[in-house]
Amino acid sequence: MDFEEEVKTHTQRVEAGERVRYGQACPGCGAAKEEFFRMHDCRRRKFRLLVERYIQVALSWILRWRCLRCGKRFTDYPPFRLAAEAARPAAGAGEGGRISGNRALLP
């Protein structure tokens, strides 16, 4: 499945009221059973996807969950968002570097 289809499927599932959770366990206590989580918040997010050498912007949803066991609230990002995060270290961020919009600072 390509990125566009993955974003579209994720968006349709969230808008249909489905509990879409990708994480395996609570980052606070390690709870993993589905009944330990309740949706805390749902917000729109723009995702920039690289599609055939072009950047395409897609709107979808980000879900926040609350663990009923420890009370921790956390954001569960869809897997297509992780591909964009992997580009940051390649661009020089993550090792104390920053990605800047200032052209004087870019190589």
PDB file of N, CA and C in Angstrom:
ATOM      1  N   MET A   1       0.853  -1.181   0.000  1.00  0.00           N
ATOM      2  CA  MET A   1       0.000   0.000   0.000  1.00  0.00           C
ATOM      3  C   MET A   1       0.897   1.242   0.000  1.00  0.00           C
ATOM      4  N   ASP A   2       0.649   2.189  -0.890  1.00  0.00           N
ATOM      5  CA  ASP A   2       1.453   3.402  -0.946  1.00  0.00           C
ATOM      6  C   ASP A   2       0.981   4.401   0.113  1.00  0.00           C
ATOM      7  N   PHE A   3       1.768   5.474   0.305  1.00  0.00           N
ATOM      8  CA  PHE A   3       1.473   6.449   1.350  1.00  0.00           C
ATOM      9  C   PHE A   3       0.104   7.093   1.190  1.00  0.00           C
ATOM     10  N   GLU A   4      -0.236   7.447  -0.025  1.00  0.00           N
ATOM     11  CA  GLU A   4      -1.529   8.107  -0.263  1.00  0.00           C
ATOM     12  C   GLU A   4      -2.692   7.217   0.185  1.00  0.00           C
ATOM     13  N   GLU A   5      -2.629   5.947  -0.185  1.00  0.00           N
ATOM     14  CA  GLU A   5      -3.684   5.006   0.200  1.00  0.00           C
ATOM     15  C   GLU A   5      -3.702   4.781   1.711  1.00  0.00           C
ATOM     16  N   GLU A   6      -2.514   4.738   2.315  1.00  0.00           N
ATOM     17  CA  GLU A   6      -2.420   4.524   3.755  1.00  0.00           C
ATOM     18  C   GLU A   6      -3.057   5.696   4.516  1.00  0.00           C
ATOM     19  N   VAL A   7      -2.787   6.924   4.073  1.00  0.00           N
ATOM     20  CA  VAL A   7      -3.378   8.107   4.702  1.00  0.00           C
ATOM     21  C   VAL A   7      -4.892   8.098   4.513  1.00  0.00           C
ATOM     22  N   LYS A   8      -5.337   7.793   3.313  1.00  0.00           N
ATOM     23  CA  LYS A   8      -6.767   7.770   3.011  1.00  0.00           C
ATOM     24  C   LYS A   8      -7.488   6.718   3.866  1.00  0.00           C
ATOM     25  N   THR A   9      -6.919   5.527   3.972  1.00  0.00           N
ATOM     26  CA  THR A   9      -7.521   4.465   4.770  1.00  0.00           C
ATOM     27  C   THR A   9      -7.579   4.854   6.239  1.00  0.00           C
ATOM     28  N   HIS A  10      -6.482   5.411   6.762  1.00  0.00           N
ATOM     29  CA  HIS A  10      -6.446   5.855   8.159  1.00  0.00           C
ATOM     30  C   HIS A  10      -7.529   6.911   8.419  1.00  0.00           C
ATOM     31  N   THR A  11      -7.629   7.891   7.533  1.00  0.00           N
ATOM     32  CA  THR A  11      -8.609   8.965   7.683  1.00  0.00           C
ATOM     33  C   THR A  11     -10.038   8.413   7.678  1.00  0.00           C
ATOM     34  N   GLN A  12     -10.340   7.523   6.760  1.00  0.00           N
ATOM     35  CA  GLN A  12     -11.682   6.942   6.677  1.00  0.00           C
ATOM     36  C   GLN A  12     -12.020   6.138   7.927  1.00  0.00           C
ATOM     37  N   ARG A  13     -11.047   5.395   8.444  1.00  0.00           N
ATOM     38  CA  ARG A  13     -11.291   4.589   9.646  1.00  0.00           C
ATOM     39  C   ARG A  13     -11.587   5.474  10.853  1.00  0.00           C
ATOM     40  N   VAL A  14     -10.828   6.563  11.014  1.00  0.00           N
ATOM     41  CA  VAL A  14     -11.038   7.473  12.145  1.00  0.00           C
ATOM     42  C   VAL A  14     -12.390   8.165  12.014  1.00  0.00           C
ATOM     43  N   GLU A  15     -12.704   8.647  10.806  1.00  0.00           N
ATOM     44  CA  GLU A  15     -13.971   9.352  10.593  1.00  0.00           C
ATOM     45  C   GLU A  15     -15.177   8.430  10.742  1.00  0.00           C
ATOM     46  N   ALA A  16     -14.988   7.131  10.567  1.00  0.00           N
ATOM     47  CA  ALA A  16     -16.073   6.164  10.747  1.00  0.00           C
ATOM     48  C   ALA A  16     -16.268   5.818  12.227  1.00  0.00           C
ATOM     49  N   GLY A  17     -15.417   6.364  13.098  1.00  0.00           N
ATOM     50  CA  GLY A  17     -15.562   6.124  14.530  1.00  0.00           C
ATOM     51  C   GLY A  17     -14.791   4.924  15.041  1.00  0.00           C
ATOM     52  N   GLU A  18     -13.961   4.348  14.198  1.00  0.00           N
ATOM     53  CA  GLU A  18     -13.177   3.185  14.605  1.00  0.00           C
ATOM     54  C   GLU A  18     -12.050   3.612  15.550  1.00  0.00           C
ATOM     55  N   ARG A  19     -11.772   2.776  16.543  1.00  0.00           N
ATOM     56  CA  ARG A  19     -10.672   3.045  17.476  1.00  0.00           C
ATOM     57  C   ARG A  19      -9.375   2.603  16.811  1.00  0.00           C
ATOM     58  N   VAL A  20      -8.679   3.529  16.201  1.00  0.00           N
ATOM     59  CA  VAL A  20      -7.465   3.217  15.451  1.00  0.00           C
ATOM     60  C   VAL A  20      -6.261   3.486  16.351  1.00  0.00           C
ATOM     61  N   ARG A  21      -5.628   2.413  16.790  1.00  0.00           N
ATOM     62  CA  ARG A  21      -4.459   2.539  17.661  1.00  0.00           C
ATOM     63  C   ARG A  21      -3.345   1.673  17.091  1.00  0.00           C
ATOM     64  N   TYR A  22      -2.156   2.267  16.906  1.00  0.00           N
ATOM     65  CA  TYR A  22      -1.039   1.556  16.290  1.00  0.00           C
ATOM     66  C   TYR A  22      -0.004   1.089  17.309  1.00  0.00           C
ATOM     67  N   GLY A  23       0.078   1.784  18.436  1.00  0.00           N
ATOM     68  CA  GLY A  23       1.082   1.433  19.444  1.00  0.00           C
ATOM     69  C   GLY A  23       0.774   0.109  20.119  1.00  0.00           C
ATOM     70  N   GLN A  24       1.801  -0.519  20.633  1.00  0.00           N
ATOM     71  CA  GLN A  24       1.627  -1.814  21.258  1.00  0.00           C
ATOM     72  C   GLN A  24       1.305  -1.702  22.746  1.00  0.00           C
ATOM     73  N   ALA A  25       1.883  -0.711  23.434  1.00  0.00           N
ATOM     74  CA  ALA A  25       1.726  -0.628  24.885  1.00  0.00           C
ATOM     75  C   ALA A  25       1.773   0.822  25.347  1.00  0.00           C
ATOM     76  N   CYS A  26       1.286   1.043  26.561  1.00  0.00           N
ATOM     77  CA  CYS A  26       1.339   2.371  27.179  1.00  0.00           C
ATOM     78  C   CYS A  26       2.804   2.708  27.466  1.00  0.00           C
ATOM     79  N   PRO A  27       3.257   3.918  27.099  1.00  0.00           N
ATOM     80  CA  PRO A  27       4.639   4.283  27.381  1.00  0.00           C
ATOM     81  C   PRO A  27       4.903   4.489  28.876  1.00  0.00           C
ATOM     82  N   GLY A  28       3.844   4.622  29.680  1.00  0.00           N
ATOM     83  CA  GLY A  28       4.021   4.836  31.122  1.00  0.00           C
ATOM     84  C   GLY A  28       4.117   3.556  31.931  1.00  0.00           C
ATOM     85  N   CYS A  29       3.145   2.662  31.747  1.00  0.00           N
ATOM     86  CA  CYS A  29       3.094   1.460  32.585  1.00  0.00           C
ATOM     87  C   CYS A  29       3.239   0.164  31.805  1.00  0.00           C
ATOM     88  N   GLY A  30       3.196   0.233  30.492  1.00  0.00           N
ATOM     89  CA  GLY A  30       3.368  -0.963  29.681  1.00  0.00           C
ATOM     90  C   GLY A  30       2.090  -1.741  29.408  1.00  0.00           C
ATOM     91  N   ALA A  31       0.934  -1.200  29.814  1.00  0.00           N
ATOM     92  CA  ALA A  31      -0.336  -1.884  29.552  1.00  0.00           C
ATOM     93  C   ALA A  31      -0.534  -2.023  28.043  1.00  0.00           C
ATOM     94  N   ALA A  32      -1.012  -3.200  27.619  1.00  0.00           N
ATOM     95  CA  ALA A  32      -1.137  -3.439  26.182  1.00  0.00           C
ATOM     96  C   ALA A  32      -2.539  -3.846  25.749  1.00  0.00           C
ATOM     97  N   LYS A  33      -3.387  -4.246  26.673  1.00  0.00           N
ATOM     98  CA  LYS A  33      -4.729  -4.689  26.293  1.00  0.00           C
ATOM     99  C   LYS A  33      -5.580  -3.503  25.860  1.00  0.00           C
ATOM    100  N   GLU A  34      -6.401  -3.737  24.860  1.00  0.00           N
ATOM    101  CA  GLU A  34      -7.231  -2.681  24.261  1.00  0.00           C
ATOM    102  C   GLU A  34      -8.159  -2.028  25.287  1.00  0.00           C
ATOM    103  N   GLU A  35      -8.633  -2.782  26.260  1.00  0.00           N
ATOM    104  CA  GLU A  35      -9.582  -2.219  27.222  1.00  0.00           C
ATOM    105  C   GLU A  35      -8.938  -1.247  28.215  1.00  0.00           C
ATOM    106  N   PHE A  36      -7.599  -1.138  28.208  1.00  0.00           N
ATOM    107  CA  PHE A  36      -6.912  -0.203  29.092  1.00  0.00           C
ATOM    108  C   PHE A  36      -6.817   1.207  28.509  1.00  0.00           C
ATOM    109  N   PHE A  37      -7.339   1.421  27.302  1.00  0.00           N
ATOM    110  CA  PHE A  37      -7.172   2.722  26.648  1.00  0.00           C
ATOM    111  C   PHE A  37      -8.515   3.348  26.288  1.00  0.00           C
ATOM    112  N   ARG A  38      -8.586   4.656  26.481  1.00  0.00           N
ATOM    113  CA  ARG A  38      -9.750   5.422  26.059  1.00  0.00           C
ATOM    114  C   ARG A  38      -9.243   6.617  25.258  1.00  0.00           C
ATOM    115  N   MET A  39      -9.959   6.950  24.184  1.00  0.00           N
ATOM    116  CA  MET A  39      -9.541   8.076  23.363  1.00  0.00           C
ATOM    117  C   MET A  39      -9.676   9.370  24.174  1.00  0.00           C
ATOM    118  N   HIS A  40      -8.604  10.138  24.189  1.00  0.00           N
ATOM    119  CA  HIS A  40      -8.571  11.383  24.944  1.00  0.00           C
ATOM    120  C   HIS A  40      -8.829  12.592  24.049  1.00  0.00           C
ATOM    121  N   ASP A  41      -8.279  12.562  22.823  1.00  0.00           N
ATOM    122  CA  ASP A  41      -8.392  13.715  21.938  1.00  0.00           C
ATOM    123  C   ASP A  41      -8.189  13.250  20.496  1.00  0.00           C
ATOM    124  N   CYS A  42      -8.761  13.998  19.581  1.00  0.00           N
ATOM    125  CA  CYS A  42      -8.624  13.710  18.160  1.00  0.00           C
ATOM    126  C   CYS A  42      -8.464  15.057  17.459  1.00  0.00           C
ATOM    127  N   ARG A  43      -7.377  15.231  16.724  1.00  0.00           N
ATOM    128  CA  ARG A  43      -7.156  16.523  16.062  1.00  0.00           C
ATOM    129  C   ARG A  43      -6.646  16.333  14.645  1.00  0.00           C
ATOM    130  N   ARG A  44      -6.913  17.329  13.808  1.00  0.00           N
ATOM    131  CA  ARG A  44      -6.476  17.301  12.412  1.00  0.00           C
ATOM    132  C   ARG A  44      -4.981  17.588  12.359  1.00  0.00           C
ATOM    133  N   ARG A  45      -4.320  16.955  11.401  1.00  0.00           N
ATOM    134  CA  ARG A  45      -2.894  17.180  11.208  1.00  0.00           C
ATOM    135  C   ARG A  45      -2.582  17.133   9.723  1.00  0.00           C
ATOM    136  N   LYS A  46      -1.714  18.025   9.272  1.00  0.00           N
ATOM    137  CA  LYS A  46      -1.244  18.005   7.886  1.00  0.00           C
ATOM    138  C   LYS A  46       0.000  17.126   7.818  1.00  0.00           C
ATOM    139  N   PHE A  47       0.006  16.247   6.858  1.00  0.00           N
ATOM    140  CA  PHE A  47       1.162  15.395   6.611  1.00  0.00           C
ATOM    141  C   PHE A  47       1.723  15.750   5.244  1.00  0.00           C
ATOM    142  N   ARG A  48       3.019  15.892   5.173  1.00  0.00           N
ATOM    143  CA  ARG A  48       3.678  16.150   3.895  1.00  0.00           C
ATOM    144  C   ARG A  48       4.287  14.839   3.423  1.00  0.00           C
ATOM    145  N   LEU A  49       3.847  14.381   2.266  1.00  0.00           N
ATOM    146  CA  LEU A  49       4.279  13.102   1.725  1.00  0.00           C
ATOM    147  C   LEU A  49       5.069  13.326   0.446  1.00  0.00           C
ATOM    148  N   LEU A  50       6.147  12.592   0.300  1.00  0.00           N
ATOM    149  CA  LEU A  50       6.920  12.650  -0.915  1.00  0.00           C
ATOM    150  C   LEU A  50       6.366  11.618  -1.879  1.00  0.00           C
ATOM    151  N   VAL A  51       5.734  12.098  -2.960  1.00  0.00           N
ATOM    152  CA  VAL A  51       5.096  11.223  -3.944  1.00  0.00           C
ATOM    153  C   VAL A  51       5.703  11.539  -5.307  1.00  0.00           C
ATOM    154  N   GLU A  52       6.482  10.606  -5.834  1.00  0.00           N
ATOM    155  CA  GLU A  52       7.099  10.754  -7.155  1.00  0.00           C
ATOM    156  C   GLU A  52       7.805  12.101  -7.314  1.00  0.00           C
ATOM    157  N   ARG A  53       8.721  12.414  -6.408  1.00  0.00           N
ATOM    158  CA  ARG A  53       9.549  13.618  -6.437  1.00  0.00           C
ATOM    159  C   ARG A  53       8.769  14.899  -6.166  1.00  0.00           C
ATOM    160  N   TYR A  54       7.539  14.810  -5.722  1.00  0.00           N
ATOM    161  CA  TYR A  54       6.732  15.987  -5.376  1.00  0.00           C
ATOM    162  C   TYR A  54       6.265  15.856  -3.936  1.00  0.00           C
ATOM    163  N   ILE A  55       6.179  16.985  -3.264  1.00  0.00           N
ATOM    164  CA  ILE A  55       5.648  16.979  -1.903  1.00  0.00           C
ATOM    165  C   ILE A  55       4.159  17.226  -1.988  1.00  0.00           C
ATOM    166  N   GLN A  56       3.400  16.312  -1.401  1.00  0.00           N
ATOM    167  CA  GLN A  56       1.948  16.413  -1.407  1.00  0.00           C
ATOM    168  C   GLN A  56       1.481  16.540   0.037  1.00  0.00           C
ATOM    169  N   VAL A  57       0.556  17.448   0.298  1.00  0.00           N
ATOM    170  CA  VAL A  57       0.019  17.651   1.637  1.00  0.00           C
ATOM    171  C   VAL A  57      -1.300  16.911   1.750  1.00  0.00           C
ATOM    172  N   ALA A  58      -1.406  16.109   2.814  1.00  0.00           N
ATOM    173  CA  ALA A  58      -2.635  15.347   3.063  1.00  0.00           C
ATOM    174  C   ALA A  58      -3.127  15.663   4.472  1.00  0.00           C
ATOM    175  N   LEU A  59      -4.419  15.860   4.616  1.00  0.00           N
ATOM    176  CA  LEU A  59      -5.020  16.084   5.924  1.00  0.00           C
ATOM    177  C   LEU A  59      -5.531  14.765   6.478  1.00  0.00           C
ATOM    178  N   SER A  60      -5.241  14.521   7.744  1.00  0.00           N
ATOM    179  CA  SER A  60      -5.743  13.321   8.403  1.00  0.00           C
ATOM    180  C   SER A  60      -5.925  13.624   9.884  1.00  0.00           C
ATOM    181  N   TRP A  61      -6.013  12.601  10.698  1.00  0.00           N
ATOM    182  CA  TRP A  61      -6.277  12.744  12.122  1.00  0.00           C
ATOM    183  C   TRP A  61      -5.142  12.146  12.947  1.00  0.00           C
ATOM    184  N   ILE A  62      -4.857  12.784  14.073  1.00  0.00           N
ATOM    185  CA  ILE A  62      -3.938  12.261  15.080  1.00  0.00           C
ATOM    186  C   ILE A  62      -4.782  11.986  16.321  1.00  0.00           C
ATOM    187  N   LEU A  63      -4.614  10.806  16.896  1.00  0.00           N
ATOM    188  CA  LEU A  63      -5.385  10.430  18.080  1.00  0.00           C
ATOM    189  C   LEU A  63      -4.496  10.437  19.311  1.00  0.00           C
ATOM    190  N   ARG A  64      -5.062  10.956  20.411  1.00  0.00           N
ATOM    191  CA  ARG A  64      -4.395  10.897  21.715  1.00  0.00           C
ATOM    192  C   ARG A  64      -5.204   9.944  22.587  1.00  0.00           C
ATOM    193  N   TRP A  65      -4.495   9.164  23.363  1.00  0.00           N
ATOM    194  CA  TRP A  65      -5.118   8.148  24.199  1.00  0.00           C
ATOM    195  C   TRP A  65      -4.791   8.381  25.663  1.00  0.00           C
ATOM    196  N   ARG A  66      -5.670   7.878  26.529  1.00  0.00           N
ATOM    197  CA  ARG A  66      -5.419   7.903  27.976  1.00  0.00           C
ATOM    198  C   ARG A  66      -5.412   6.471  28.464  1.00  0.00           C
ATOM    199  N   CYS A  67      -4.364   6.122  29.189  1.00  0.00           N
ATOM    200  CA  CYS A  67      -4.272   4.787  29.775  1.00  0.00           C
ATOM    201  C   CYS A  67      -5.115   4.782  31.043  1.00  0.00           C
ATOM    202  N   LEU A  68      -6.054   3.860  31.136  1.00  0.00           N
ATOM    203  CA  LEU A  68      -6.928   3.779  32.298  1.00  0.00           C
ATOM    204  C   LEU A  68      -6.216   3.157  33.496  1.00  0.00           C
ATOM    205  N   ARG A  69      -5.093   2.532  33.258  1.00  0.00           N
ATOM    206  CA  ARG A  69      -4.350   1.895  34.339  1.00  0.00           C
ATOM    207  C   ARG A  69      -3.472   2.897  35.097  1.00  0.00           C
ATOM    208  N   CYS A  70      -2.741   3.766  34.358  1.00  0.00           N
ATOM    209  CA  CYS A  70      -1.833   4.708  35.032  1.00  0.00           C
ATOM    210  C   CYS A  70      -2.216   6.174  34.817  1.00  0.00           C
ATOM    211  N   GLY A  71      -3.148   6.455  33.883  1.00  0.00           N
ATOM    212  CA  GLY A  71      -3.592   7.824  33.641  1.00  0.00           C
ATOM    213  C   GLY A  71      -2.754   8.603  32.647  1.00  0.00           C
ATOM    214  N   LYS A  72      -1.678   8.020  32.140  1.00  0.00           N
ATOM    215  CA  LYS A  72      -0.819   8.733  31.185  1.00  0.00           C
ATOM    216  C   LYS A  72      -1.564   8.983  29.878  1.00  0.00           C
ATOM    217  N   ARG A  73      -1.373  10.188  29.338  1.00  0.00           N
ATOM    218  CA  ARG A  73      -1.933  10.545  28.035  1.00  0.00           C
ATOM    219  C   ARG A  73      -0.794  10.579  27.037  1.00  0.00           C
ATOM    220  N   PHE A  74      -1.038  10.029  25.850  1.00  0.00           N
ATOM    221  CA  PHE A  74       0.014   9.967  24.849  1.00  0.00           C
ATOM    222  C   PHE A  74      -0.580   9.997  23.457  1.00  0.00           C
ATOM    223  N   THR A  75       0.237  10.443  22.507  1.00  0.00           N
ATOM    224  CA  THR A  75      -0.161  10.510  21.110  1.00  0.00           C
ATOM    225  C   THR A  75       0.296   9.236  20.416  1.00  0.00           C
ATOM    226  N   ASP A  76      -0.589   8.646  19.665  1.00  0.00           N
ATOM    227  CA  ASP A  76      -0.273   7.439  18.912  1.00  0.00           C
ATOM    228  C   ASP A  76      -0.245   7.820  17.437  1.00  0.00           C
ATOM    229  N   TYR A  77       0.961   7.926  16.884  1.00  0.00           N
ATOM    230  CA  TYR A  77       1.120   8.380  15.506  1.00  0.00           C
ATOM    231  C   TYR A  77       0.914   7.233  14.522  1.00  0.00           C
ATOM    232  N   PRO A  78       0.274   7.517  13.397  1.00  0.00           N
ATOM    233  CA  PRO A  78       0.116   6.484  12.362  1.00  0.00           C
ATOM    234  C   PRO A  78       1.472   6.162  11.730  1.00  0.00           C
ATOM    235  N   PRO A  79       1.621   4.968  11.168  1.00  0.00           N
ATOM    236  CA  PRO A  79       2.927   4.564  10.629  1.00  0.00           C
ATOM    237  C   PRO A  79       3.427   5.422   9.472  1.00  0.00           C
ATOM    238  N   PHE A  80       2.549   6.044   8.703  1.00  0.00           N
ATOM    239  CA  PHE A  80       3.021   6.874   7.595  1.00  0.00           C
ATOM    240  C   PHE A  80       3.690   8.140   8.088  1.00  0.00           C
ATOM    241  N   ARG A  81       3.472   8.536   9.302  1.00  0.00           N
ATOM    242  CA  ARG A  81       4.141   9.697   9.875  1.00  0.00           C
ATOM    243  C   ARG A  81       5.603   9.363  10.189  1.00  0.00           C
ATOM    244  N   LEU A  82       5.887   8.134  10.523  1.00  0.00           N
ATOM    245  CA  LEU A  82       7.243   7.743  10.878  1.00  0.00           C
ATOM    246  C   LEU A  82       8.207   7.864   9.707  1.00  0.00           C
ATOM    247  N   ALA A  83       7.734   7.684   8.505  1.00  0.00           N
ATOM    248  CA  ALA A  83       8.606   7.816   7.339  1.00  0.00           C
ATOM    249  C   ALA A  83       9.144   9.240   7.240  1.00  0.00           C
ATOM    250  N   ALA A  84       8.334  10.219   7.574  1.00  0.00           N
ATOM    251  CA  ALA A  84       8.784  11.608   7.540  1.00  0.00           C
ATOM    252  C   ALA A  84       9.789  11.873   8.651  1.00  0.00           C
ATOM    253  N   GLU A  85       9.583  11.272   9.823  1.00  0.00           N
ATOM    254  CA  GLU A  85      10.496  11.455  10.935  1.00  0.00           C
ATOM    255  C   GLU A  85      11.872  10.863  10.620  1.00  0.00           C
ATOM    256  N   ALA A  86      11.917   9.817   9.830  1.00  0.00           N
ATOM    257  CA  ALA A  86      13.190   9.192   9.477  1.00  0.00           C
ATOM    258  C   ALA A  86      14.035  10.115   8.609  1.00  0.00           C
ATOM    259  N   ALA A  87      13.420  11.074   7.955  1.00  0.00           N
ATOM    260  CA  ALA A  87      14.152  11.998   7.096  1.00  0.00           C
ATOM    261  C   ALA A  87      14.920  13.037   7.909  1.00  0.00           C
ATOM    262  N   ARG A  88      14.520  13.299   9.144  1.00  0.00           N
ATOM    263  CA  ARG A  88      15.200  14.317   9.945  1.00  0.00           C
ATOM    264  C   ARG A  88      16.671  13.994  10.212  1.00  0.00           C
ATOM    265  N   PRO A  89      16.998  12.790  10.681  1.00  0.00           N
ATOM    266  CA  PRO A  89      18.424  12.516  10.892  1.00  0.00           C
ATOM    267  C   PRO A  89      19.227  12.618   9.594  1.00  0.00           C
ATOM    268  N   ALA A  90      18.637  12.241   8.492  1.00  0.00           N
ATOM    269  CA  ALA A  90      19.330  12.313   7.209  1.00  0.00           C
ATOM    270  C   ALA A  90      19.603  13.768   6.818  1.00  0.00           C
ATOM    271  N   ALA A  91      18.782  14.681   7.319  1.00  0.00           N
ATOM    272  CA  ALA A  91      18.960  16.089   6.992  1.00  0.00           C
ATOM    273  C   ALA A  91      19.866  16.805   7.993  1.00  0.00           C
ATOM    274  N   GLY A  92      20.375  16.074   8.990  1.00  0.00           N
ATOM    275  CA  GLY A  92      21.311  16.681   9.926  1.00  0.00           C
ATOM    276  C   GLY A  92      20.729  16.942  11.297  1.00  0.00           C
ATOM    277  N   ALA A  93      19.459  16.714  11.519  1.00  0.00           N
ATOM    278  CA  ALA A  93      18.865  16.919  12.836  1.00  0.00           C
ATOM    279  C   ALA A  93      19.007  15.641  13.639  1.00  0.00           C
ATOM    280  N   GLY A  94      18.884  15.746  14.931  1.00  0.00           N
ATOM    281  CA  GLY A  94      18.941  14.579  15.779  1.00  0.00           C
ATOM    282  C   GLY A  94      20.301  14.406  16.433  1.00  0.00           C
ATOM    283  N   GLU A  95      21.355  14.923  15.878  1.00  0.00           N
ATOM    284  CA  GLU A  95      22.691  14.847  16.451  1.00  0.00           C
ATOM    285  C   GLU A  95      23.089  16.231  16.964  1.00  0.00           C
ATOM    286  N   GLY A  96      22.117  16.948  17.490  1.00  0.00           N
ATOM    287  CA  GLY A  96      22.388  18.297  17.947  1.00  0.00           C
ATOM    288  C   GLY A  96      22.198  19.327  16.849  1.00  0.00           C
ATOM    289  N   GLY A  97      21.933  18.853  15.632  1.00  0.00           N
ATOM    290  CA  GLY A  97      21.703  19.762  14.515  1.00  0.00           C
ATOM    291  C   GLY A  97      20.239  20.146  14.433  1.00  0.00           C
ATOM    292  N   ARG A  98      19.946  21.120  13.623  1.00  0.00           N
ATOM    293  CA  ARG A  98      18.569  21.563  13.448  1.00  0.00           C
ATOM    294  C   ARG A  98      18.285  21.737  11.973  1.00  0.00           C
ATOM    295  N   ILE A  99      17.038  21.551  11.614  1.00  0.00           N
ATOM    296  CA  ILE A  99      16.609  21.862  10.264  1.00  0.00           C
ATOM    297  C   ILE A  99      16.052  23.272  10.305  1.00  0.00           C
ATOM    298  N   SER A 100      16.566  24.133   9.471  1.00  0.00           N
ATOM    299  CA  SER A 100      16.176  25.525   9.513  1.00  0.00           C
ATOM    300  C   SER A 100      15.636  25.970   8.165  1.00  0.00           C
ATOM    301  N   GLY A 101      14.721  26.923   8.209  1.00  0.00           N
ATOM    302  CA  GLY A 101      14.200  27.487   6.982  1.00  0.00           C
ATOM    303  C   GLY A 101      15.060  28.626   6.464  1.00  0.00           C
ATOM    304  N   ASN A 102      16.070  29.012   7.234  1.00  0.00           N
ATOM    305  CA  ASN A 102      16.964  30.089   6.858  1.00  0.00           C
ATOM    306  C   ASN A 102      17.951  29.556   5.816  1.00  0.00           C
ATOM    307  N   ARG A 103      17.872  30.032   4.578  1.00  0.00           N
ATOM    308  CA  ARG A 103      18.708  29.513   3.493  1.00  0.00           C
ATOM    309  C   ARG A 103      20.202  29.719   3.748  1.00  0.00           C
ATOM    310  N   ALA A 104      20.565  30.717   4.541  1.00  0.00           N
ATOM    311  CA  ALA A 104      21.971  30.960   4.837  1.00  0.00           C
ATOM    312  C   ALA A 104      22.557  29.828   5.667  1.00  0.00           C
ATOM    313  N   LEU A 105      21.731  29.109   6.408  1.00  0.00           N
ATOM    314  CA  LEU A 105      22.205  28.029   7.261  1.00  0.00           C
ATOM    315  C   LEU A 105      22.190  26.670   6.578  1.00  0.00           C
ATOM    316  N   LEU A 106      21.543  26.583   5.426  1.00  0.00           N
ATOM    317  CA  LEU A 106      21.464  25.311   4.717  1.00  0.00           C
ATOM    318  C   LEU A 106      22.678  25.118   3.822  1.00  0.00           C
ATOM    319  N   PRO A 107      23.124  23.858   3.655  1.00  0.00           N
ATOM    320  CA  PRO A 107      24.282  23.619   2.777  1.00  0.00           C
ATOM    321  C   PRO A 107      23.970  23.869   1.324  1.00  0.00           C
TER     322      PRO A 107
END
